Amino acid sequence: MLVGQADPQGHRALPRRFEGAGTECRVGRNFDCDIVVDDEYAAPMHTLLTLLEDGRVRVQDLGTQNGTRVDGERVPVDGGTVIEQGEVIVGRTRLRIRTRHTPIGPERLFRRDFLRRHRTVLAVVGVSASIAYGGFLQWLEAPALMLRSITTAALLLLAAIATWTGLWALVSKLNQGSWDVRTHAAIASIGAALCAWGYWLAGLLAFAMQWSVWVRTGIAAAGAVALAALYLHLRRATRYGRRTALALAGAATLVIGAIAWIVTVGVEDTDVNRVSLGPEVRLGSDRVVPNRDMADYLAGVDDLKLAAGRERQKALLNAPLADADS
């Protein structure tokens, strides 16, 4: 049997090989154990693995308080459990057991994916596109000191990308054993550039075509890019599976989106150029005056003309014009 050890962070040690029927392997924190685990949740003598004549393995718990689990199921104290392969949990340490009954798949062809193969080029393109977006925004605002404003924006963007990349590189080092800086820099910079330029283009289309749906499309696209970037970060830096990484990336995207919305609302409320249009006013469909013929509306026009003439004559008699004598 082959017994491979993995700590809670997923780091695996070189598996040990045991041969011969009746061979025993003791697992625990004691130095007398065949496999010593540095786990405070494991007993000094925690688990006994015995290789049987048919090639299977008997797993026995040695009366511990936390017990021993095989593939999530607790091992009974009396008799133990016989397995052909599986994962044995001792405290918080995981042991992968493999025997001759374990099927072995074909050799897997080693291929580097697109991101790892072109990570340097992608990182350079992403950083350049992010800096170009910051410079473009400064150019639109037309500041007095153009060069100084563009340089400040570029330095701030570089600092943000470097900080984000450094955090994920540290997580990758702790979990995978390698920094993988270029890969995380490519993911961060490409994701930031796509979010920024995509949202700006969506706003431009919404203004040009007068379709507000483009704004919502831009927000949805930016959220999708952020979700993809976080998913790639998690897959590269941790040992999480696809479902777990996707769930964590989705939750992080929602949190980041909520924070961005709160910040945006706060900025709009303090913007002096923001004009409140007030409540929307819509005219009702009810008619104030019922329909009448045009002759009915003009019936009293002649009487009004006569009355207006009389009033004008009275006004002239009381206050004649200055040029009346001439």
Protein backbone atom coordinates (compact mmCIF):
# COMPACT_ATOMS: atom_id res chain seq x y z
CA MET A 1 0.00 0.00 0.00
CA LEU A 2 0.98 3.61 -0.59
CA VAL A 3 0.16 6.13 2.13
CA GLY A 4 0.43 9.80 1.21
CA GLN A 5 0.04 12.57 3.77
CA ALA A 6 -1.57 15.99 3.25
CA ASP A 7 -1.88 18.77 5.83
CA PRO A 8 -4.97 21.01 6.24
CA GLN A 9 -3.60 23.40 3.59
CA GLY A 10 -3.46 20.57 1.04
CA HIS A 11 0.34 20.18 0.91
CA ARG A 12 1.23 16.57 0.16
CA ALA A 13 4.33 14.79 1.33
CA LEU A 14 6.10 11.96 -0.50
CA PRO A 15 3.97 8.80 -0.10
CA ARG A 16 5.43 5.86 1.80
CA ARG A 17 5.25 2.29 0.57
CA PHE A 18 4.42 -0.73 2.77
CA GLU A 19 4.69 -4.35 1.58
CA GLY A 20 3.80 -7.78 2.91
CA ALA A 21 0.66 -9.23 4.40
CA GLY A 22 0.21 -8.23 8.02
CA THR A 23 2.39 -5.12 7.70
CA GLU A 24 1.24 -2.44 10.10
CA CYS A 25 1.47 1.34 9.84
CA ARG A 26 0.83 3.42 12.94
CA VAL A 27 -0.21 7.04 12.52
CA GLY A 28 0.00 9.68 15.27
CA ARG A 29 2.12 12.37 16.91
CA ASN A 30 4.42 10.00 18.75
CA PHE A 31 7.93 9.54 17.35
CA ASP A 32 7.41 5.76 17.52
CA CYS A 33 4.73 5.98 14.79
CA ASP A 34 5.53 4.96 11.23
CA ILE A 35 3.89 8.16 9.96
CA VAL A 36 4.30 11.11 12.33
CA VAL A 37 1.77 13.93 11.91
CA ASP A 38 2.27 17.43 13.27
CA ASP A 39 -1.36 17.85 14.19
CA GLU A 40 -2.55 18.89 17.65
CA TYR A 41 -5.94 17.28 16.98
CA ALA A 42 -4.32 13.85 16.56
CA ALA A 43 -3.53 11.50 19.44
CA PRO A 44 -0.01 10.20 20.10
CA MET A 45 -1.16 6.83 18.73
CA HIS A 46 -4.18 7.60 16.64
CA THR A 47 -4.76 5.11 13.80
CA LEU A 48 -3.50 1.68 12.80
CA LEU A 49 -3.36 0.64 9.13
CA THR A 50 -2.91 -3.09 8.44
CA LEU A 51 -2.20 -4.56 5.02
CA LEU A 52 -4.29 -7.73 4.48
CA GLU A 53 -3.46 -10.79 2.37
CA ASP A 54 -5.93 -9.84 -0.37
CA GLY A 55 -4.26 -6.46 -0.81
CA ARG A 56 -6.87 -4.42 1.04
CA VAL A 57 -6.25 -2.28 4.13
CA ARG A 58 -7.87 -2.45 7.56
CA VAL A 59 -8.25 0.96 9.23
CA GLN A 60 -8.56 0.89 13.03
CA ASP A 61 -9.02 3.76 15.46
CA LEU A 62 -6.90 3.37 18.61
CA GLY A 63 -9.50 4.71 21.03
CA THR A 64 -9.09 8.42 20.30
CA GLN A 65 -11.47 11.19 21.29
CA ASN A 66 -11.70 12.80 17.83
CA GLY A 67 -11.91 9.44 16.08
CA THR A 68 -10.79 8.41 12.59
CA ARG A 69 -12.77 8.95 9.42
CA VAL A 70 -12.64 7.19 6.06
CA ASP A 71 -14.15 9.20 3.18
CA GLY A 72 -16.16 11.20 5.72
CA GLU A 73 -17.51 8.19 7.65
CA ARG A 74 -16.34 7.57 11.20
CA VAL A 75 -14.49 4.30 11.74
CA PRO A 76 -16.08 2.07 14.42
CA VAL A 77 -13.87 1.43 17.40
CA ASP A 78 -14.46 -2.33 17.32
CA GLY A 79 -13.15 -4.09 14.21
CA GLY A 80 -12.38 -1.00 12.13
CA THR A 81 -13.06 -0.68 8.40
CA VAL A 82 -11.57 -2.55 5.42
CA ILE A 83 -10.96 -0.45 2.30
CA GLU A 84 -9.31 -0.82 -1.10
CA GLN A 85 -8.53 2.89 -1.43
CA GLY A 86 -9.72 6.14 0.02
CA GLU A 87 -8.97 9.12 2.23
CA VAL A 88 -8.31 8.61 5.93
CA ILE A 89 -8.68 11.67 8.17
CA VAL A 90 -6.57 11.71 11.33
CA GLY A 91 -7.32 14.83 13.35
CA ARG A 92 -7.09 17.43 10.58
CA THR A 93 -4.53 15.56 8.53
CA ARG A 94 -5.59 13.65 5.43
CA LEU A 95 -3.97 10.41 4.31
CA ARG A 96 -4.50 9.08 0.80
CA ILE A 97 -4.31 5.28 0.69
CA ARG A 98 -3.73 3.42 -2.54
CA THR A 99 -3.47 -0.34 -3.03
CA ARG A 100 -3.11 -2.72 -5.94
CA HIS A 101 -6.90 -2.63 -6.33
CA THR A 102 -6.80 1.09 -7.14
CA PRO A 103 -7.28 1.63 -10.90
CA ILE A 104 -4.59 3.72 -12.57
CA GLY A 105 -5.53 5.93 -15.50
CA PRO A 106 -3.40 6.59 -18.56
CA GLU A 107 -0.56 9.06 -18.58
CA ARG A 108 -1.84 12.61 -18.74
CA LEU A 109 -0.32 14.79 -21.41
CA PHE A 110 1.34 17.89 -19.99
CA ARG A 111 0.04 21.06 -21.60
CA ARG A 112 0.32 24.62 -20.54
CA ASP A 113 -2.87 26.58 -20.96
CA PHE A 114 -3.15 29.86 -22.84
CA LEU A 115 -2.85 32.02 -19.73
CA ARG A 116 0.31 30.38 -18.43
CA ARG A 117 1.91 30.23 -21.88
CA HIS A 118 1.33 33.93 -22.67
CA ARG A 119 1.26 35.37 -19.14
CA THR A 120 4.08 37.86 -19.73
CA VAL A 121 2.53 39.30 -22.88
CA LEU A 122 -0.92 39.41 -21.30
CA ALA A 123 0.44 41.18 -18.23
CA VAL A 124 2.15 43.85 -20.36
CA VAL A 125 -0.97 44.36 -22.49
CA GLY A 126 -3.26 44.55 -19.46
CA VAL A 127 -1.10 47.04 -17.57
CA SER A 128 -0.71 49.20 -20.69
CA ALA A 129 -4.46 49.19 -21.33
CA SER A 130 -5.19 50.13 -17.71
CA ILE A 131 -2.71 53.01 -17.80
CA ALA A 132 -4.14 54.15 -21.15
CA TYR A 133 -7.63 54.25 -19.61
CA GLY A 134 -6.42 56.40 -16.71
CA GLY A 135 -4.64 58.77 -19.10
CA PHE A 136 -7.71 58.93 -21.32
CA LEU A 137 -9.93 59.96 -18.41
CA GLN A 138 -7.46 62.69 -17.46
CA TRP A 139 -7.41 63.90 -21.05
CA LEU A 140 -11.22 64.13 -21.08
CA GLU A 141 -11.14 66.32 -17.98
CA ALA A 142 -8.53 68.60 -19.65
CA PRO A 143 -6.58 69.58 -16.53
CA ALA A 144 -4.19 72.51 -16.47
CA LEU A 145 -1.14 70.25 -15.93
CA MET A 146 -1.84 67.40 -18.32
CA LEU A 147 1.46 65.53 -17.94
CA ARG A 148 1.34 65.68 -14.15
CA SER A 149 -2.25 64.43 -14.00
CA ILE A 150 -1.59 61.53 -16.39
CA THR A 151 1.55 60.53 -14.46
CA THR A 152 -0.35 60.57 -11.16
CA ALA A 153 -3.15 58.43 -12.60
CA ALA A 154 -0.64 55.94 -14.05
CA LEU A 155 1.21 55.61 -10.73
CA LEU A 156 -2.04 55.07 -8.82
CA LEU A 157 -3.15 52.37 -11.25
CA LEU A 158 0.23 50.66 -11.08
CA ALA A 159 0.11 50.73 -7.27
CA ALA A 160 -3.39 49.22 -7.23
CA ILE A 161 -2.49 46.44 -9.68
CA ALA A 162 0.77 45.71 -7.83
CA THR A 163 -1.00 45.49 -4.47
CA TRP A 164 -3.72 43.20 -5.80
CA THR A 165 -1.17 41.01 -7.59
CA GLY A 166 1.04 40.82 -4.50
CA LEU A 167 -1.84 39.62 -2.31
CA TRP A 168 -2.76 36.82 -4.71
CA ALA A 169 0.91 35.91 -5.21
CA LEU A 170 1.24 35.53 -1.43
CA VAL A 171 -1.83 33.29 -1.32
CA SER A 172 -0.38 31.25 -4.18
CA LYS A 173 2.94 30.89 -2.33
CA LEU A 174 1.23 29.69 0.84
CA ASN A 175 -0.96 27.14 -0.96
CA GLN A 176 0.94 26.11 -4.07
CA GLY A 177 4.52 26.78 -3.06
CA SER A 178 5.21 29.24 -5.93
CA TRP A 179 4.62 32.98 -6.27
CA ASP A 180 3.33 32.90 -9.87
CA VAL A 181 3.47 36.71 -10.02
CA ARG A 182 3.20 37.05 -13.80
CA THR A 183 0.05 34.93 -13.99
CA HIS A 184 -1.74 36.93 -11.28
CA ALA A 185 -0.52 40.20 -12.80
CA ALA A 186 -1.97 39.16 -16.17
CA ILE A 187 -5.32 38.22 -14.61
CA ALA A 188 -5.55 41.42 -12.55
CA SER A 189 -4.49 43.83 -15.30
CA ILE A 190 -6.57 42.25 -18.09
CA GLY A 191 -9.61 42.11 -15.82
CA ALA A 192 -9.23 45.75 -14.76
CA ALA A 193 -8.76 46.93 -18.37
CA LEU A 194 -11.79 44.99 -19.64
CA CYS A 195 -14.01 46.28 -16.82
CA ALA A 196 -12.93 49.91 -17.29
CA TRP A 197 -13.02 50.11 -21.08
CA GLY A 198 -16.13 47.93 -21.38
CA TYR A 199 -18.13 50.06 -18.97
CA TRP A 200 -17.00 53.29 -20.67
CA LEU A 201 -17.94 51.98 -24.12
CA ALA A 202 -21.33 50.87 -22.83
CA GLY A 203 -21.93 54.38 -21.46
CA LEU A 204 -20.88 55.90 -24.79
CA LEU A 205 -23.31 53.66 -26.70
CA ALA A 206 -26.09 54.49 -24.25
CA PHE A 207 -25.51 58.23 -24.82
CA ALA A 208 -25.18 57.93 -28.61
CA MET A 209 -28.19 55.66 -29.13
CA GLN A 210 -30.26 56.98 -26.20
CA TRP A 211 -30.77 53.43 -24.92
CA SER A 212 -30.35 53.15 -21.17
CA VAL A 213 -30.19 49.37 -21.50
CA TRP A 214 -26.56 49.74 -22.60
CA VAL A 215 -25.64 51.05 -19.16
CA ARG A 216 -27.07 47.96 -17.49
CA THR A 217 -25.33 45.84 -20.10
CA GLY A 218 -22.01 47.48 -19.22
CA ILE A 219 -22.55 46.86 -15.51
CA ALA A 220 -23.42 43.21 -16.17
CA ALA A 221 -20.34 42.79 -18.40
CA ALA A 222 -18.07 44.34 -15.76
CA GLY A 223 -19.53 42.00 -13.13
CA ALA A 224 -18.95 38.98 -15.39
CA VAL A 225 -15.33 39.99 -15.98
CA ALA A 226 -14.77 40.47 -12.24
CA LEU A 227 -16.29 37.05 -11.56
CA ALA A 228 -14.04 35.40 -14.16
CA ALA A 229 -10.93 37.15 -12.81
CA LEU A 230 -11.63 36.14 -9.21
CA TYR A 231 -12.33 32.57 -10.32
CA LEU A 232 -9.00 32.39 -12.16
CA HIS A 233 -7.18 33.85 -9.15
CA LEU A 234 -8.70 31.22 -6.85
CA ARG A 235 -7.95 28.36 -9.23
CA ARG A 236 -4.31 29.46 -9.61
CA ALA A 237 -3.63 30.35 -5.98
CA THR A 238 -5.56 27.68 -4.05
CA ARG A 239 -6.45 24.02 -4.22
CA TYR A 240 -10.20 24.59 -4.32
CA GLY A 241 -12.27 22.71 -6.85
CA ARG A 242 -14.21 24.38 -9.61
CA ARG A 243 -17.51 24.58 -7.75
CA THR A 244 -15.98 25.94 -4.56
CA ALA A 245 -13.88 28.47 -6.48
CA LEU A 246 -16.92 29.59 -8.50
CA ALA A 247 -19.05 29.98 -5.36
CA LEU A 248 -16.37 32.01 -3.57
CA ALA A 249 -15.79 34.16 -6.67
CA GLY A 250 -19.53 34.83 -6.97
CA ALA A 251 -19.82 35.85 -3.32
CA ALA A 252 -16.78 38.13 -3.60
CA THR A 253 -18.20 39.70 -6.78
CA LEU A 254 -21.46 40.52 -5.01
CA VAL A 255 -19.60 42.09 -2.09
CA ILE A 256 -17.37 44.17 -4.38
CA GLY A 257 -20.41 45.25 -6.41
CA ALA A 258 -22.27 46.34 -3.27
CA ILE A 259 -19.27 48.36 -2.08
CA ALA A 260 -18.90 50.00 -5.50
CA TRP A 261 -22.61 50.90 -5.52
CA ILE A 262 -22.40 52.46 -2.04
CA VAL A 263 -19.33 54.48 -3.05
CA THR A 264 -21.01 55.63 -6.27
CA VAL A 265 -24.13 56.78 -4.44
CA GLY A 266 -22.00 58.71 -1.95
CA VAL A 267 -20.03 60.42 -4.71
CA GLU A 268 -23.19 61.41 -6.58
CA ASP A 269 -24.75 62.91 -3.46
CA THR A 270 -21.70 65.14 -2.89
CA ASP A 271 -21.24 66.11 -6.55
CA VAL A 272 -21.95 69.85 -7.04
CA ASN A 273 -22.68 69.29 -10.73
CA ARG A 274 -25.46 66.85 -10.01
CA VAL A 275 -28.93 68.26 -10.73
CA SER A 276 -31.98 66.71 -9.14
CA LEU A 277 -34.86 66.56 -11.60
CA GLY A 278 -37.43 65.98 -8.91
CA PRO A 279 -40.38 63.63 -9.20
CA GLU A 280 -41.51 62.56 -12.65
CA VAL A 281 -44.68 64.31 -13.83
CA ARG A 282 -47.09 62.55 -16.16
CA LEU A 283 -50.31 64.05 -17.55
CA GLY A 284 -53.43 62.08 -17.01
CA SER A 285 -55.62 60.77 -19.78
CA ASP A 286 -58.86 62.29 -18.43
CA ARG A 287 -60.45 65.14 -20.47
CA VAL A 288 -61.11 68.37 -18.55
CA VAL A 289 -63.64 69.79 -21.10
CA PRO A 290 -65.95 67.54 -23.08
CA ASN A 291 -65.85 67.66 -26.86
CA ARG A 292 -67.86 70.52 -28.49
CA ASP A 293 -68.23 71.88 -32.00
CA MET A 294 -66.11 74.83 -33.09
CA ALA A 295 -69.25 76.95 -33.70
CA ASP A 296 -70.19 76.56 -30.03
CA TYR A 297 -66.75 77.82 -28.92
CA LEU A 298 -67.03 80.91 -31.22
CA ALA A 299 -70.65 81.74 -30.47
CA GLY A 300 -69.85 84.60 -28.05
CA VAL A 301 -67.01 86.18 -30.04
CA ASP A 302 -69.19 88.95 -31.60
CA ASP A 303 -70.60 89.96 -28.22
CA LEU A 304 -67.05 90.18 -26.84
CA LYS A 305 -65.99 92.41 -29.72
CA LEU A 306 -68.91 94.82 -29.10
CA ALA A 307 -68.17 94.99 -25.40
CA ALA A 308 -64.48 95.64 -26.07
CA GLY A 309 -65.39 98.50 -28.48
CA ARG A 310 -67.61 100.19 -25.90
CA GLU A 311 -64.93 99.99 -23.25
CA ARG A 312 -62.41 101.51 -25.66
CA GLN A 313 -64.72 104.43 -26.46
CA LYS A 314 -65.26 105.10 -22.75
CA ALA A 315 -61.51 105.06 -22.18
CA LEU A 316 -60.93 107.58 -24.99
CA LEU A 317 -63.58 109.93 -23.62
CA ASN A 318 -62.12 109.83 -20.14
CA ALA A 319 -58.49 110.07 -21.30
CA PRO A 320 -58.18 111.26 -24.92
CA LEU A 321 -54.96 110.59 -26.79
CA ALA A 322 -52.25 113.28 -26.92
CA ASP A 323 -52.56 113.76 -30.70
CA ALA A 324 -56.33 113.83 -30.83
CA ASP A 325 -56.43 117.68 -31.50
CA SER A 326 -54.22 117.41 -34.53
